[in-house]
Amino acid sequence: MRATADNTELALISGIDTEAIIMWTWGIGGGLAAAAGMLYGIDVQIHPGMGWNFLIPLFAAAILGGIGNMYGALVGGMVIGIAETFRLIFNKDGWPTAPRGSWGCLSLSTH
């Protein structure tokens, strides 16, 4: 999979079936996304816009850590998660979903 991602032509010449690698990659990614959606649907009420509250902090974490940098996105996710945890510690009632987006905007402005 890594050889196909780095240089498709060289992987093909080396005898790697790049089409199968690409199909397996999309299949695994789609299966993991479907499993995540099902598990998330168990936790919340299912409605058409249910992913937006979940997606905004994910993008904020990826942008905070740097797009294309896996370890940076991991650190960005930790920072966003810790910030949201402290938000819940200091405000027991919880906030509406809008401040989650403001955390993302704050993290974007500091980057």
Protein backbone atom coordinates (compact mmCIF):
# COMPACT_ATOMS: atom_id res chain seq x y z
CA MET A 1 0.00 0.00 0.00
CA ARG A 2 2.81 2.38 0.83
CA ALA A 3 4.69 1.60 -2.37
CA THR A 4 1.56 2.26 -4.41
CA ALA A 5 0.99 5.56 -2.61
CA ASP A 6 4.59 6.71 -3.09
CA ASN A 7 5.11 5.78 -6.74
CA THR A 8 2.38 3.95 -8.62
CA GLU A 9 4.41 3.31 -11.77
CA LEU A 10 7.38 1.86 -9.88
CA ALA A 11 5.07 -0.35 -7.80
CA LEU A 12 3.42 -1.60 -10.99
CA ILE A 13 6.78 -2.39 -12.59
CA SER A 14 7.86 -4.19 -9.40
CA GLY A 15 4.95 -6.59 -9.80
CA ILE A 16 2.53 -5.11 -7.29
CA ASP A 17 -1.11 -5.21 -8.39
CA THR A 18 -1.81 -1.51 -7.87
CA GLU A 19 -5.47 -1.74 -8.90
CA ALA A 20 -6.10 -4.35 -6.21
CA ILE A 21 -4.24 -2.23 -3.64
CA ILE A 22 -6.35 0.80 -4.53
CA MET A 23 -9.60 -1.22 -4.35
CA TRP A 24 -8.63 -2.77 -1.00
CA THR A 25 -7.67 0.65 0.38
CA TRP A 26 -11.02 2.17 -0.59
CA GLY A 27 -12.84 -0.90 0.72
CA ILE A 28 -11.08 -0.82 4.09
CA GLY A 29 -11.60 2.94 4.41
CA GLY A 30 -15.27 2.67 3.49
CA GLY A 31 -15.79 -0.23 5.90
CA LEU A 32 -14.16 1.67 8.76
CA ALA A 33 -16.26 4.76 7.96
CA ALA A 34 -19.43 2.63 7.92
CA ALA A 35 -18.52 1.03 11.25
CA ALA A 36 -17.80 4.45 12.76
CA GLY A 37 -21.14 5.75 11.50
CA MET A 38 -23.01 2.80 12.96
CA LEU A 39 -21.28 3.14 16.33
CA TYR A 40 -21.91 6.89 16.36
CA GLY A 41 -25.55 6.27 15.44
CA ILE A 42 -25.94 4.02 18.46
CA ASP A 43 -24.78 6.85 20.74
CA VAL A 44 -26.90 9.69 19.31
CA GLN A 45 -30.28 10.05 17.68
CA ILE A 46 -29.99 9.37 13.96
CA HIS A 47 -30.83 12.36 11.72
CA PRO A 48 -29.49 13.65 8.40
CA GLY A 49 -27.17 16.29 9.87
CA MET A 50 -25.74 14.22 12.71
CA GLY A 51 -22.16 14.27 11.48
CA TRP A 52 -21.60 18.02 11.53
CA ASN A 53 -21.09 18.28 15.28
CA PHE A 54 -18.57 15.47 15.02
CA LEU A 55 -16.83 16.65 11.86
CA ILE A 56 -15.95 20.23 12.81
CA PRO A 57 -13.58 19.30 15.68
CA LEU A 58 -11.98 16.67 13.45
CA PHE A 59 -11.16 19.22 10.77
CA ALA A 60 -9.97 21.67 13.42
CA ALA A 61 -7.63 19.01 14.81
CA ALA A 62 -6.28 18.15 11.37
CA ILE A 63 -5.66 21.79 10.52
CA LEU A 64 -4.18 22.55 13.95
CA GLY A 65 -1.74 19.68 13.59
CA GLY A 66 -0.97 20.36 9.97
CA ILE A 67 -2.57 18.77 6.94
CA GLY A 68 -0.50 15.88 5.67
CA ASN A 69 1.30 15.36 8.97
CA MET A 70 -0.05 12.31 10.77
CA TYR A 71 1.70 13.00 14.08
CA GLY A 72 0.69 16.64 13.98
CA ALA A 73 -2.94 15.67 13.44
CA LEU A 74 -2.65 13.31 16.41
CA VAL A 75 -1.32 16.14 18.60
CA GLY A 76 -4.00 18.48 17.22
CA GLY A 77 -6.66 15.94 18.14
CA MET A 78 -5.27 15.66 21.65
CA VAL A 79 -5.27 19.47 22.01
CA ILE A 80 -8.86 19.78 20.78
CA GLY A 81 -9.97 16.89 23.02
CA ILE A 82 -8.29 18.36 26.10
CA ALA A 83 -9.75 21.79 25.34
CA GLU A 84 -13.25 20.34 25.07
CA THR A 85 -12.76 18.38 28.29
CA PHE A 86 -11.73 21.54 30.15
CA ARG A 87 -14.73 23.30 28.61
CA LEU A 88 -17.00 20.68 30.18
CA ILE A 89 -15.17 20.82 33.53
CA PHE A 90 -15.65 24.56 33.89
CA ASN A 91 -19.18 24.63 32.48
CA LYS A 92 -21.16 21.76 33.97
CA ASP A 93 -24.31 22.49 31.99
CA GLY A 94 -22.53 22.09 28.68
CA TRP A 95 -22.57 24.51 25.79
CA PRO A 96 -24.47 24.39 22.55
CA THR A 97 -22.61 23.11 19.52
CA ALA A 98 -21.60 26.58 18.29
CA PRO A 99 -18.70 27.01 20.76
CA ARG A 100 -17.19 23.79 19.42
CA GLY A 101 -16.80 25.59 16.12
CA SER A 102 -15.35 28.61 17.88
CA TRP A 103 -12.70 26.34 19.43
CA GLY A 104 -11.84 25.26 15.90
CA CYS A 105 -11.67 28.87 14.72
CA LEU A 106 -9.52 29.76 17.73
CA SER A 107 -7.15 26.92 16.92
CA LEU A 108 -7.01 28.02 13.29
CA SER A 109 -6.20 31.59 14.25
CA THR A 110 -3.34 30.53 16.51
CA HIS A 111 -1.81 28.28 13.85
